[in-house]
Amino acid sequence: MTLALVPLACAAPAPPARPRTAAAAAPPPHPAPPHPGPPGLHTTATAPPTLTAPLPAAPPAPAAPTRPAPTASPPPRTGAGAPASRATRPPAPTAPASPTPPPSGTPTASPSSSSAAAPRPAGASADALRSRAARSCRQLSSGLFRRDAARPPDVPVCAGVGGALHWTADLDIDCDGRPGPVCHAGSGPYFQETTAWNGSDGRPLSADEVPYVVVPGPSARWSPAAAGVTGGTLAVLVHGERVRYAVVGDTGPVDVIGEASYAAALSLGLGGAPQAAGTQGDVLYLLFPDTRVRPVEDPAAARAAGRDRVARYLRETSP
């Protein structure tokens, strides 16, 4: 009796077990345990939860909020940082300058008219000064000067229009005077701790600090003192597009012309080591015997006196 009942009970559960194993064809490795009935039921119960766990994938839900977060942060950084500063920079230099010239009746035209004072330095341009000097040359020197000891003499000292003396030569470096960081006993074999004229404190001028010009020593060829040139006489140097102000501060050889202090060369953009500074190109030297700079060692005093005297020179020699 028990034998007949056992097959009947097994036959009844057998059909449902087949479709389950067919649907779960993937998990055959799991039926390794000996009991097919109960383990199959447990595996099918566990398989769907495991399949459904990766499908909902709780991670994708947090991934969505994280994506908008970075996109929301960059816009405030770029909007508040870079554009704001860029917008404020251009209007300061550019906006006031460009709109002011076209409208002459607007109140902004008045600041532009005040900035129109800039043409004053334009009037003292290098080309304007060279043009004035080239107009006339009444030769003061009885002969010509050399640019360097090895070159033939070809430079006259001229009396030009407007009360100016002038010549065009190269620019060699004079490192004489009070020792400084560049000009001192070790800077060259010709260094001397004296200058022909001293400063207001009684000490020699400093070639490192004072832009000064060297004039030839007095001779039968030319005497600077006879032409009213002395220590502190205003000198104007013109090279390229630069116009710089200096004083007469030292004397040199009686037959060579074209020399200035290291500070003067530096102001013209001709600096460097003392032996290599200066230029072999043309430099226009303009001297105004009627103007003395005091104190002679003060570059600011030379600039102030130079601007005034050059402005008057250009007015008096205007075409």
C-alpha atoms as a PDB file:
ATOM      1  CA  MET A   1       0.000   0.000   0.000  1.00  0.00           C
ATOM      2  CA  THR A   2       2.722   2.421   0.778  1.00  0.00           C
ATOM      3  CA  LEU A   3       4.510   1.504  -2.404  1.00  0.00           C
ATOM      4  CA  ALA A   4       1.468   2.389  -4.514  1.00  0.00           C
ATOM      5  CA  LEU A   5       0.939   5.635  -2.761  1.00  0.00           C
ATOM      6  CA  VAL A   6       4.519   6.792  -3.115  1.00  0.00           C
ATOM      7  CA  PRO A   7       4.616   6.748  -6.937  1.00  0.00           C
ATOM      8  CA  LEU A   8       1.272   8.514  -7.127  1.00  0.00           C
ATOM      9  CA  ALA A   9       2.582  11.319  -4.910  1.00  0.00           C
ATOM     10  CA  CYS A  10       5.790  11.569  -6.906  1.00  0.00           C
ATOM     11  CA  ALA A  11       3.915  11.624 -10.174  1.00  0.00           C
ATOM     12  CA  ALA A  12       1.827  14.557  -9.138  1.00  0.00           C
ATOM     13  CA  PRO A  13       4.711  16.928  -8.286  1.00  0.00           C
ATOM     14  CA  ALA A  14       6.831  15.746 -11.205  1.00  0.00           C
ATOM     15  CA  PRO A  15       5.052  17.719 -13.990  1.00  0.00           C
ATOM     16  CA  PRO A  16       5.362  21.142 -12.273  1.00  0.00           C
ATOM     17  CA  ALA A  17       9.035  20.483 -11.588  1.00  0.00           C
ATOM     18  CA  ARG A  18       9.788  20.047 -15.333  1.00  0.00           C
ATOM     19  CA  PRO A  19       8.594  23.444 -16.488  1.00  0.00           C
ATOM     20  CA  ARG A  20      10.479  25.116 -13.637  1.00  0.00           C
ATOM     21  CA  THR A  21      13.712  23.424 -14.605  1.00  0.00           C
ATOM     22  CA  ALA A  22      13.060  24.279 -18.250  1.00  0.00           C
ATOM     23  CA  ALA A  23      12.513  27.941 -17.443  1.00  0.00           C
ATOM     24  CA  ALA A  24      15.515  27.925 -15.201  1.00  0.00           C
ATOM     25  CA  ALA A  25      17.766  26.255 -17.759  1.00  0.00           C
ATOM     26  CA  ALA A  26      20.456  28.761 -16.840  1.00  0.00           C
ATOM     27  CA  PRO A  27      20.933  27.615 -13.230  1.00  0.00           C
ATOM     28  CA  PRO A  28      21.855  23.910 -13.937  1.00  0.00           C
ATOM     29  CA  PRO A  29      25.118  24.381 -12.055  1.00  0.00           C
ATOM     30  CA  HIS A  30      23.046  24.936  -8.853  1.00  0.00           C
ATOM     31  CA  PRO A  31      21.400  21.414  -8.916  1.00  0.00           C
ATOM     32  CA  ALA A  32      24.661  20.001  -7.609  1.00  0.00           C
ATOM     33  CA  PRO A  33      22.916  19.041  -4.299  1.00  0.00           C
ATOM     34  CA  PRO A  34      21.375  15.512  -4.416  1.00  0.00           C
ATOM     35  CA  HIS A  35      17.780  16.522  -3.723  1.00  0.00           C
ATOM     36  CA  PRO A  36      16.228  17.893  -6.938  1.00  0.00           C
ATOM     37  CA  GLY A  37      12.814  18.782  -5.482  1.00  0.00           C
ATOM     38  CA  PRO A  38      13.354  21.130  -2.605  1.00  0.00           C
ATOM     39  CA  PRO A  39      16.628  22.664  -3.872  1.00  0.00           C
ATOM     40  CA  GLY A  40      14.964  23.425  -7.208  1.00  0.00           C
ATOM     41  CA  LEU A  41      12.259  25.287  -5.435  1.00  0.00           C
ATOM     42  CA  HIS A  42      14.783  27.241  -3.392  1.00  0.00           C
ATOM     43  CA  THR A  43      16.879  28.097  -6.405  1.00  0.00           C
ATOM     44  CA  THR A  44      13.924  29.389  -8.374  1.00  0.00           C
ATOM     45  CA  ALA A  45      12.895  31.456  -5.397  1.00  0.00           C
ATOM     46  CA  THR A  46      16.339  32.920  -4.957  1.00  0.00           C
ATOM     47  CA  ALA A  47      17.052  33.398  -8.667  1.00  0.00           C
ATOM     48  CA  PRO A  48      14.292  35.938  -9.328  1.00  0.00           C
ATOM     49  CA  PRO A  49      15.293  38.149  -6.391  1.00  0.00           C
ATOM     50  CA  THR A  50      18.880  38.154  -7.567  1.00  0.00           C
ATOM     51  CA  LEU A  51      17.789  38.994 -11.104  1.00  0.00           C
ATOM     52  CA  THR A  52      15.454  41.692  -9.922  1.00  0.00           C
ATOM     53  CA  ALA A  53      18.094  43.191  -7.576  1.00  0.00           C
ATOM     54  CA  PRO A  54      20.476  44.192 -10.400  1.00  0.00           C
ATOM     55  CA  LEU A  55      17.581  45.235 -12.645  1.00  0.00           C
ATOM     56  CA  PRO A  56      16.216  47.990 -10.404  1.00  0.00           C
ATOM     57  CA  ALA A  57      19.834  48.835  -9.668  1.00  0.00           C
ATOM     58  CA  ALA A  58      19.585  51.240  -6.815  1.00  0.00           C
ATOM     59  CA  PRO A  59      22.858  52.802  -8.121  1.00  0.00           C
ATOM     60  CA  PRO A  60      21.222  54.252 -11.277  1.00  0.00           C
ATOM     61  CA  ALA A  61      18.845  56.229  -9.099  1.00  0.00           C
ATOM     62  CA  PRO A  62      21.710  58.061  -7.300  1.00  0.00           C
ATOM     63  CA  ALA A  63      23.550  58.401 -10.594  1.00  0.00           C
ATOM     64  CA  ALA A  64      20.772  60.596 -11.962  1.00  0.00           C
ATOM     65  CA  PRO A  65      20.991  63.177  -9.151  1.00  0.00           C
ATOM     66  CA  THR A  66      24.753  63.288  -9.384  1.00  0.00           C
ATOM     67  CA  ARG A  67      24.683  64.228 -13.098  1.00  0.00           C
ATOM     68  CA  PRO A  68      22.647  67.385 -12.695  1.00  0.00           C
ATOM     69  CA  ALA A  69      24.746  68.391  -9.704  1.00  0.00           C
ATOM     70  CA  PRO A  70      27.966  69.005 -11.710  1.00  0.00           C
ATOM     71  CA  THR A  71      26.124  70.714 -14.516  1.00  0.00           C
ATOM     72  CA  ALA A  72      24.482  73.046 -12.059  1.00  0.00           C
ATOM     73  CA  SER A  73      27.783  74.057 -10.443  1.00  0.00           C
ATOM     74  CA  PRO A  74      29.823  75.210 -13.505  1.00  0.00           C
ATOM     75  CA  PRO A  75      27.390  77.854 -14.720  1.00  0.00           C
ATOM     76  CA  PRO A  76      27.592  79.963 -11.556  1.00  0.00           C
ATOM     77  CA  ARG A  77      31.399  79.784 -11.616  1.00  0.00           C
ATOM     78  CA  THR A  78      31.730  80.923 -15.162  1.00  0.00           C
ATOM     79  CA  GLY A  79      28.939  83.423 -14.931  1.00  0.00           C
ATOM     80  CA  ALA A  80      30.012  85.053 -11.713  1.00  0.00           C
ATOM     81  CA  GLY A  81      33.757  84.841 -12.145  1.00  0.00           C
ATOM     82  CA  ALA A  82      35.201  85.239 -15.613  1.00  0.00           C
ATOM     83  CA  PRO A  83      32.545  87.271 -17.420  1.00  0.00           C
ATOM     84  CA  ALA A  84      32.230  89.772 -14.592  1.00  0.00           C
ATOM     85  CA  SER A  85      35.967  90.538 -14.480  1.00  0.00           C
ATOM     86  CA  ARG A  86      36.322  90.594 -18.271  1.00  0.00           C
ATOM     87  CA  ALA A  87      33.406  92.927 -18.553  1.00  0.00           C
ATOM     88  CA  THR A  88      34.894  95.371 -16.088  1.00  0.00           C
ATOM     89  CA  ARG A  89      38.386  95.370 -17.620  1.00  0.00           C
ATOM     90  CA  PRO A  90      37.572  96.382 -21.192  1.00  0.00           C
ATOM     91  CA  PRO A  91      35.336  99.345 -20.401  1.00  0.00           C
ATOM     92  CA  ALA A  92      37.966 101.014 -18.258  1.00  0.00           C
ATOM     93  CA  PRO A  93      40.716 101.331 -20.888  1.00  0.00           C
ATOM     94  CA  THR A  94      38.714 101.109 -24.083  1.00  0.00           C
ATOM     95  CA  ALA A  95      35.174 102.406 -23.597  1.00  0.00           C
ATOM     96  CA  PRO A  96      36.027 105.920 -22.449  1.00  0.00           C
ATOM     97  CA  ALA A  97      38.698 106.330 -25.081  1.00  0.00           C
ATOM     98  CA  SER A  98      36.753 105.291 -28.189  1.00  0.00           C
ATOM     99  CA  PRO A  99      33.341 106.846 -27.581  1.00  0.00           C
ATOM    100  CA  THR A 100      34.699 110.221 -26.531  1.00  0.00           C
ATOM    101  CA  PRO A 101      36.299 111.287 -29.840  1.00  0.00           C
ATOM    102  CA  PRO A 102      33.206 110.938 -32.085  1.00  0.00           C
ATOM    103  CA  PRO A 103      30.669 112.850 -29.955  1.00  0.00           C
ATOM    104  CA  SER A 104      32.008 116.355 -29.545  1.00  0.00           C
ATOM    105  CA  GLY A 105      28.916 117.814 -27.910  1.00  0.00           C
ATOM    106  CA  THR A 106      28.605 115.220 -25.164  1.00  0.00           C
ATOM    107  CA  PRO A 107      29.996 115.900 -21.684  1.00  0.00           C
ATOM    108  CA  THR A 108      32.515 113.127 -22.243  1.00  0.00           C
ATOM    109  CA  ALA A 109      34.181 115.338 -24.863  1.00  0.00           C
ATOM    110  CA  SER A 110      35.543 117.594 -22.140  1.00  0.00           C
ATOM    111  CA  PRO A 111      37.730 114.843 -20.650  1.00  0.00           C
ATOM    112  CA  SER A 112      38.895 114.025 -24.151  1.00  0.00           C
ATOM    113  CA  SER A 113      39.883 117.629 -24.645  1.00  0.00           C
ATOM    114  CA  SER A 114      41.888 117.473 -21.430  1.00  0.00           C
ATOM    115  CA  SER A 115      43.580 114.331 -22.681  1.00  0.00           C
ATOM    116  CA  ALA A 116      44.275 116.252 -25.882  1.00  0.00           C
ATOM    117  CA  ALA A 117      47.163 117.728 -23.883  1.00  0.00           C
ATOM    118  CA  ALA A 118      48.976 114.554 -25.015  1.00  0.00           C
ATOM    119  CA  PRO A 119      49.839 116.217 -28.349  1.00  0.00           C
ATOM    120  CA  ARG A 120      52.397 118.301 -26.425  1.00  0.00           C
ATOM    121  CA  PRO A 121      54.838 115.401 -26.157  1.00  0.00           C
ATOM    122  CA  ALA A 122      53.939 114.557 -29.744  1.00  0.00           C
ATOM    123  CA  GLY A 123      55.171 118.057 -30.676  1.00  0.00           C
ATOM    124  CA  ALA A 124      58.492 117.160 -29.003  1.00  0.00           C
ATOM    125  CA  SER A 125      58.822 114.050 -31.099  1.00  0.00           C
ATOM    126  CA  ALA A 126      62.180 112.802 -32.252  1.00  0.00           C
ATOM    127  CA  ASP A 127      61.351 113.553 -35.894  1.00  0.00           C
ATOM    128  CA  ALA A 128      60.323 117.126 -35.076  1.00  0.00           C
ATOM    129  CA  LEU A 129      63.606 117.811 -33.281  1.00  0.00           C
ATOM    130  CA  ARG A 130      65.694 116.224 -36.033  1.00  0.00           C
ATOM    131  CA  SER A 131      63.830 118.277 -38.604  1.00  0.00           C
ATOM    132  CA  ARG A 132      64.512 121.525 -36.741  1.00  0.00           C
ATOM    133  CA  ALA A 133      68.196 120.737 -36.277  1.00  0.00           C
ATOM    134  CA  ALA A 134      68.599 119.869 -39.958  1.00  0.00           C
ATOM    135  CA  ARG A 135      67.306 123.285 -41.044  1.00  0.00           C
ATOM    136  CA  SER A 136      70.533 125.136 -40.385  1.00  0.00           C
ATOM    137  CA  CYS A 137      74.117 124.536 -39.323  1.00  0.00           C
ATOM    138  CA  ARG A 138      76.334 127.519 -38.818  1.00  0.00           C
ATOM    139  CA  GLN A 139      79.540 125.710 -38.007  1.00  0.00           C
ATOM    140  CA  LEU A 140      81.028 126.880 -34.725  1.00  0.00           C
ATOM    141  CA  SER A 141      83.991 124.539 -34.649  1.00  0.00           C
ATOM    142  CA  SER A 142      86.964 125.488 -36.768  1.00  0.00           C
ATOM    143  CA  GLY A 143      87.372 121.859 -37.758  1.00  0.00           C
ATOM    144  CA  LEU A 144      85.604 118.530 -37.560  1.00  0.00           C
ATOM    145  CA  PHE A 145      85.556 115.944 -34.756  1.00  0.00           C
ATOM    146  CA  ARG A 146      86.033 112.212 -34.873  1.00  0.00           C
ATOM    147  CA  ARG A 147      83.319 109.843 -33.668  1.00  0.00           C
ATOM    148  CA  ASP A 148      86.048 107.481 -32.445  1.00  0.00           C
ATOM    149  CA  ALA A 149      89.805 107.759 -32.299  1.00  0.00           C
ATOM    150  CA  ALA A 150      90.219 105.395 -35.254  1.00  0.00           C
ATOM    151  CA  ARG A 151      87.708 107.131 -37.533  1.00  0.00           C
ATOM    152  CA  PRO A 152      88.262 110.159 -39.757  1.00  0.00           C
ATOM    153  CA  PRO A 153      86.837 113.490 -38.560  1.00  0.00           C
ATOM    154  CA  ASP A 154      83.391 114.197 -39.997  1.00  0.00           C
ATOM    155  CA  VAL A 155      81.295 115.830 -37.254  1.00  0.00           C
ATOM    156  CA  PRO A 156      80.886 119.628 -37.010  1.00  0.00           C
ATOM    157  CA  VAL A 157      79.512 121.510 -34.016  1.00  0.00           C
ATOM    158  CA  CYS A 158      76.655 123.649 -35.342  1.00  0.00           C
ATOM    159  CA  ALA A 159      74.748 126.677 -34.158  1.00  0.00           C
ATOM    160  CA  GLY A 160      71.203 126.123 -35.303  1.00  0.00           C
ATOM    161  CA  VAL A 161      67.889 127.963 -35.135  1.00  0.00           C
ATOM    162  CA  GLY A 162      66.223 128.737 -31.832  1.00  0.00           C
ATOM    163  CA  GLY A 163      69.438 129.266 -29.871  1.00  0.00           C
ATOM    164  CA  ALA A 164      70.429 125.577 -29.894  1.00  0.00           C
ATOM    165  CA  LEU A 165      73.811 124.025 -30.576  1.00  0.00           C
ATOM    166  CA  HIS A 166      73.801 120.594 -32.097  1.00  0.00           C
ATOM    167  CA  TRP A 167      75.813 117.760 -33.580  1.00  0.00           C
ATOM    168  CA  THR A 168      75.082 114.199 -34.673  1.00  0.00           C
ATOM    169  CA  ALA A 169      77.446 111.423 -33.648  1.00  0.00           C
ATOM    170  CA  ASP A 170      77.537 108.002 -32.051  1.00  0.00           C
ATOM    171  CA  LEU A 171      77.236 107.432 -28.291  1.00  0.00           C
ATOM    172  CA  ASP A 172      80.148 106.001 -26.363  1.00  0.00           C
ATOM    173  CA  ILE A 173      79.889 105.351 -22.635  1.00  0.00           C
ATOM    174  CA  ASP A 174      81.514 107.605 -20.049  1.00  0.00           C
ATOM    175  CA  CYS A 175      81.712 105.702 -16.740  1.00  0.00           C
ATOM    176  CA  ASP A 176      83.646 108.368 -14.856  1.00  0.00           C
ATOM    177  CA  GLY A 177      82.600 109.922 -11.563  1.00  0.00           C
ATOM    178  CA  ARG A 178      81.439 108.561  -8.257  1.00  0.00           C
ATOM    179  CA  PRO A 179      81.709 104.747  -8.246  1.00  0.00           C
ATOM    180  CA  GLY A 180      78.416 102.906  -8.534  1.00  0.00           C
ATOM    181  CA  PRO A 181      77.082  99.405  -9.168  1.00  0.00           C
ATOM    182  CA  VAL A 182      77.930  99.563 -12.897  1.00  0.00           C
ATOM    183  CA  CYS A 183      80.631 102.200 -13.233  1.00  0.00           C
ATOM    184  CA  HIS A 184      83.616 101.648 -10.960  1.00  0.00           C
ATOM    185  CA  ALA A 185      87.322 100.834 -11.084  1.00  0.00           C
ATOM    186  CA  GLY A 186      86.596  97.299 -12.294  1.00  0.00           C
ATOM    187  CA  SER A 187      84.316  98.368 -15.143  1.00  0.00           C
ATOM    188  CA  GLY A 188      87.110  99.444 -17.513  1.00  0.00           C
ATOM    189  CA  PRO A 189      90.691 100.617 -17.770  1.00  0.00           C
ATOM    190  CA  TYR A 190      89.737 104.265 -18.313  1.00  0.00           C
ATOM    191  CA  PHE A 191      87.609 104.750 -15.216  1.00  0.00           C
ATOM    192  CA  GLN A 192      88.262 107.949 -13.250  1.00  0.00           C
ATOM    193  CA  GLU A 193      86.580 108.938 -10.001  1.00  0.00           C
ATOM    194  CA  THR A 194      86.238 112.565 -11.109  1.00  0.00           C
ATOM    195  CA  THR A 195      84.102 114.542 -13.530  1.00  0.00           C
ATOM    196  CA  ALA A 196      84.808 117.966 -14.996  1.00  0.00           C
ATOM    197  CA  TRP A 197      81.896 119.408 -12.988  1.00  0.00           C
ATOM    198  CA  ASN A 198      80.623 118.343  -9.598  1.00  0.00           C
ATOM    199  CA  GLY A 199      77.146 118.138  -8.176  1.00  0.00           C
ATOM    200  CA  SER A 200      75.576 120.616  -5.788  1.00  0.00           C
ATOM    201  CA  ASP A 201      77.036 118.602  -2.891  1.00  0.00           C
ATOM    202  CA  GLY A 202      80.576 119.126  -4.187  1.00  0.00           C
ATOM    203  CA  ARG A 203      81.024 115.468  -5.146  1.00  0.00           C
ATOM    204  CA  PRO A 204      81.684 114.176  -8.678  1.00  0.00           C
ATOM    205  CA  LEU A 205      78.629 113.189 -10.669  1.00  0.00           C
ATOM    206  CA  SER A 206      77.576 109.546 -10.808  1.00  0.00           C
ATOM    207  CA  ALA A 207      77.521 108.022 -14.288  1.00  0.00           C
ATOM    208  CA  ASP A 208      75.116 105.395 -12.926  1.00  0.00           C
ATOM    209  CA  GLU A 209      72.553 107.945 -11.750  1.00  0.00           C
ATOM    210  CA  VAL A 210      72.980 111.212 -13.657  1.00  0.00           C
ATOM    211  CA  PRO A 211      72.246 111.401 -17.395  1.00  0.00           C
ATOM    212  CA  TYR A 212      75.028 113.677 -18.578  1.00  0.00           C
ATOM    213  CA  VAL A 213      76.720 114.515 -21.868  1.00  0.00           C
ATOM    214  CA  VAL A 214      80.466 114.739 -22.480  1.00  0.00           C
ATOM    215  CA  VAL A 215      81.715 117.672 -24.544  1.00  0.00           C
ATOM    216  CA  PRO A 216      85.186 117.876 -26.118  1.00  0.00           C
ATOM    217  CA  GLY A 217      87.844 119.571 -24.029  1.00  0.00           C
ATOM    218  CA  PRO A 218      88.670 123.159 -24.991  1.00  0.00           C
ATOM    219  CA  SER A 219      90.996 123.523 -27.947  1.00  0.00           C
ATOM    220  CA  ALA A 220      91.678 125.672 -30.965  1.00  0.00           C
ATOM    221  CA  ARG A 221      89.074 123.588 -32.759  1.00  0.00           C
ATOM    222  CA  TRP A 222      86.275 124.578 -30.379  1.00  0.00           C
ATOM    223  CA  SER A 223      85.875 125.974 -26.897  1.00  0.00           C
ATOM    224  CA  PRO A 224      82.590 124.979 -25.215  1.00  0.00           C
ATOM    225  CA  ALA A 225      82.886 127.777 -22.676  1.00  0.00           C
ATOM    226  CA  ALA A 226      83.191 130.359 -25.467  1.00  0.00           C
ATOM    227  CA  ALA A 227      79.826 129.110 -26.761  1.00  0.00           C
ATOM    228  CA  GLY A 228      78.240 129.410 -23.308  1.00  0.00           C
ATOM    229  CA  VAL A 229      78.405 125.668 -22.555  1.00  0.00           C
ATOM    230  CA  THR A 230      79.306 124.694 -19.005  1.00  0.00           C
ATOM    231  CA  GLY A 231      78.414 122.189 -16.312  1.00  0.00           C
ATOM    232  CA  GLY A 232      74.647 121.892 -15.955  1.00  0.00           C
ATOM    233  CA  THR A 233      73.862 123.204 -19.454  1.00  0.00           C
ATOM    234  CA  LEU A 234      70.671 121.545 -20.653  1.00  0.00           C
ATOM    235  CA  ALA A 235      71.249 118.780 -23.200  1.00  0.00           C
ATOM    236  CA  VAL A 236      68.635 116.871 -25.193  1.00  0.00           C
ATOM    237  CA  LEU A 237      69.424 113.460 -26.663  1.00  0.00           C
ATOM    238  CA  VAL A 238      67.456 112.070 -29.613  1.00  0.00           C
ATOM    239  CA  HIS A 239      67.828 108.462 -30.755  1.00  0.00           C
ATOM    240  CA  GLY A 240      65.284 106.489 -32.749  1.00  0.00           C
ATOM    241  CA  GLU A 241      61.910 107.585 -31.404  1.00  0.00           C
ATOM    242  CA  ARG A 242      63.223 108.533 -27.963  1.00  0.00           C
ATOM    243  CA  VAL A 243      63.818 112.031 -26.639  1.00  0.00           C
ATOM    244  CA  ARG A 244      65.654 112.236 -23.315  1.00  0.00           C
ATOM    245  CA  TYR A 245      66.927 115.110 -21.178  1.00  0.00           C
ATOM    246  CA  ALA A 246      70.385 115.417 -19.657  1.00  0.00           C
ATOM    247  CA  VAL A 247      73.008 117.944 -18.591  1.00  0.00           C
ATOM    248  CA  VAL A 248      76.566 118.711 -19.627  1.00  0.00           C
ATOM    249  CA  GLY A 249      78.639 116.932 -16.976  1.00  0.00           C
ATOM    250  CA  ASP A 250      82.114 116.019 -18.214  1.00  0.00           C
ATOM    251  CA  THR A 251      84.759 116.720 -20.831  1.00  0.00           C
ATOM    252  CA  GLY A 252      86.609 114.303 -23.101  1.00  0.00           C
ATOM    253  CA  PRO A 253      89.345 114.265 -25.744  1.00  0.00           C
ATOM    254  CA  VAL A 254      89.727 117.486 -27.707  1.00  0.00           C
ATOM    255  CA  ASP A 255      89.235 115.811 -31.085  1.00  0.00           C
ATOM    256  CA  VAL A 256      86.523 113.204 -30.326  1.00  0.00           C
ATOM    257  CA  ILE A 257      82.808 113.833 -29.906  1.00  0.00           C
ATOM    258  CA  GLY A 258      79.799 111.636 -29.132  1.00  0.00           C
ATOM    259  CA  GLU A 259      79.867 110.460 -25.526  1.00  0.00           C
ATOM    260  CA  ALA A 260      77.453 110.336 -22.587  1.00  0.00           C
ATOM    261  CA  SER A 261      77.085 108.744 -19.170  1.00  0.00           C
ATOM    262  CA  TYR A 262      75.851 105.222 -18.629  1.00  0.00           C
ATOM    263  CA  ALA A 263      72.596 106.612 -17.177  1.00  0.00           C
ATOM    264  CA  ALA A 264      72.031 108.662 -20.337  1.00  0.00           C
ATOM    265  CA  ALA A 265      72.598 105.612 -22.552  1.00  0.00           C
ATOM    266  CA  LEU A 266      70.253 103.567 -20.392  1.00  0.00           C
ATOM    267  CA  SER A 267      67.497 106.177 -20.766  1.00  0.00           C
ATOM    268  CA  LEU A 268      67.782 105.790 -24.546  1.00  0.00           C
ATOM    269  CA  GLY A 269      67.525 102.013 -24.334  1.00  0.00           C
ATOM    270  CA  LEU A 270      71.254 101.601 -25.017  1.00  0.00           C
ATOM    271  CA  GLY A 271      72.272  99.930 -21.762  1.00  0.00           C
ATOM    272  CA  GLY A 272      74.256  96.777 -21.153  1.00  0.00           C
ATOM    273  CA  ALA A 273      77.770  96.156 -19.926  1.00  0.00           C
ATOM    274  CA  PRO A 274      79.770  99.419 -20.001  1.00  0.00           C
ATOM    275  CA  GLN A 275      82.087  98.108 -22.718  1.00  0.00           C
ATOM    276  CA  ALA A 276      79.129  97.052 -24.895  1.00  0.00           C
ATOM    277  CA  ALA A 277      76.569  99.774 -24.132  1.00  0.00           C
ATOM    278  CA  GLY A 278      75.930 102.803 -26.313  1.00  0.00           C
ATOM    279  CA  THR A 279      75.565 102.751 -30.087  1.00  0.00           C
ATOM    280  CA  GLN A 280      77.505 103.357 -33.274  1.00  0.00           C
ATOM    281  CA  GLY A 281      74.312 104.696 -34.833  1.00  0.00           C
ATOM    282  CA  ASP A 282      73.305 108.340 -35.019  1.00  0.00           C
ATOM    283  CA  VAL A 283      72.358 110.261 -31.892  1.00  0.00           C
ATOM    284  CA  LEU A 284      71.336 113.919 -32.097  1.00  0.00           C
ATOM    285  CA  TYR A 285      72.839 116.093 -29.338  1.00  0.00           C
ATOM    286  CA  LEU A 286      70.989 119.368 -28.738  1.00  0.00           C
ATOM    287  CA  LEU A 287      72.478 121.843 -26.240  1.00  0.00           C
ATOM    288  CA  PHE A 288      70.770 124.991 -24.935  1.00  0.00           C
ATOM    289  CA  PRO A 289      73.427 127.337 -23.513  1.00  0.00           C
ATOM    290  CA  ASP A 290      70.751 129.685 -22.150  1.00  0.00           C
ATOM    291  CA  THR A 291      69.321 126.997 -19.827  1.00  0.00           C
ATOM    292  CA  ARG A 292      71.053 125.680 -16.713  1.00  0.00           C
ATOM    293  CA  VAL A 293      69.715 122.754 -14.716  1.00  0.00           C
ATOM    294  CA  ARG A 294      69.893 123.005 -10.935  1.00  0.00           C
ATOM    295  CA  PRO A 295      70.709 120.927  -9.083  1.00  0.00           C
ATOM    296  CA  VAL A 296      72.842 119.483 -11.844  1.00  0.00           C
ATOM    297  CA  GLU A 297      72.648 115.939 -10.451  1.00  0.00           C
ATOM    298  CA  ASP A 298      68.830 115.815 -10.380  1.00  0.00           C
ATOM    299  CA  PRO A 299      67.346 113.981 -13.419  1.00  0.00           C
ATOM    300  CA  ALA A 300      63.848 115.244 -12.545  1.00  0.00           C
ATOM    301  CA  ALA A 301      65.085 118.847 -12.728  1.00  0.00           C
ATOM    302  CA  ALA A 302      66.621 118.118 -16.145  1.00  0.00           C
ATOM    303  CA  ARG A 303      63.329 116.673 -17.400  1.00  0.00           C
ATOM    304  CA  ALA A 304      61.294 119.642 -16.171  1.00  0.00           C
ATOM    305  CA  ALA A 305      63.679 122.208 -17.640  1.00  0.00           C
ATOM    306  CA  GLY A 306      64.006 120.182 -20.838  1.00  0.00           C
ATOM    307  CA  ARG A 307      60.279 119.925 -21.513  1.00  0.00           C
ATOM    308  CA  ASP A 308      59.808 123.670 -21.071  1.00  0.00           C
ATOM    309  CA  ARG A 309      62.801 124.643 -23.171  1.00  0.00           C
ATOM    310  CA  VAL A 310      62.022 122.192 -25.976  1.00  0.00           C
ATOM    311  CA  ALA A 311      58.411 123.373 -26.140  1.00  0.00           C
ATOM    312  CA  ARG A 312      59.654 126.942 -26.545  1.00  0.00           C
ATOM    313  CA  TYR A 313      62.247 125.829 -29.094  1.00  0.00           C
ATOM    314  CA  LEU A 314      59.569 124.144 -31.219  1.00  0.00           C
ATOM    315  CA  ARG A 315      57.310 127.207 -31.021  1.00  0.00           C
ATOM    316  CA  GLU A 316      60.105 129.588 -32.011  1.00  0.00           C
ATOM    317  CA  THR A 317      61.205 127.422 -34.917  1.00  0.00           C
ATOM    318  CA  SER A 318      57.780 126.442 -36.216  1.00  0.00           C
ATOM    319  CA  PRO A 319      57.478 126.681 -40.023  1.00  0.00           C
END
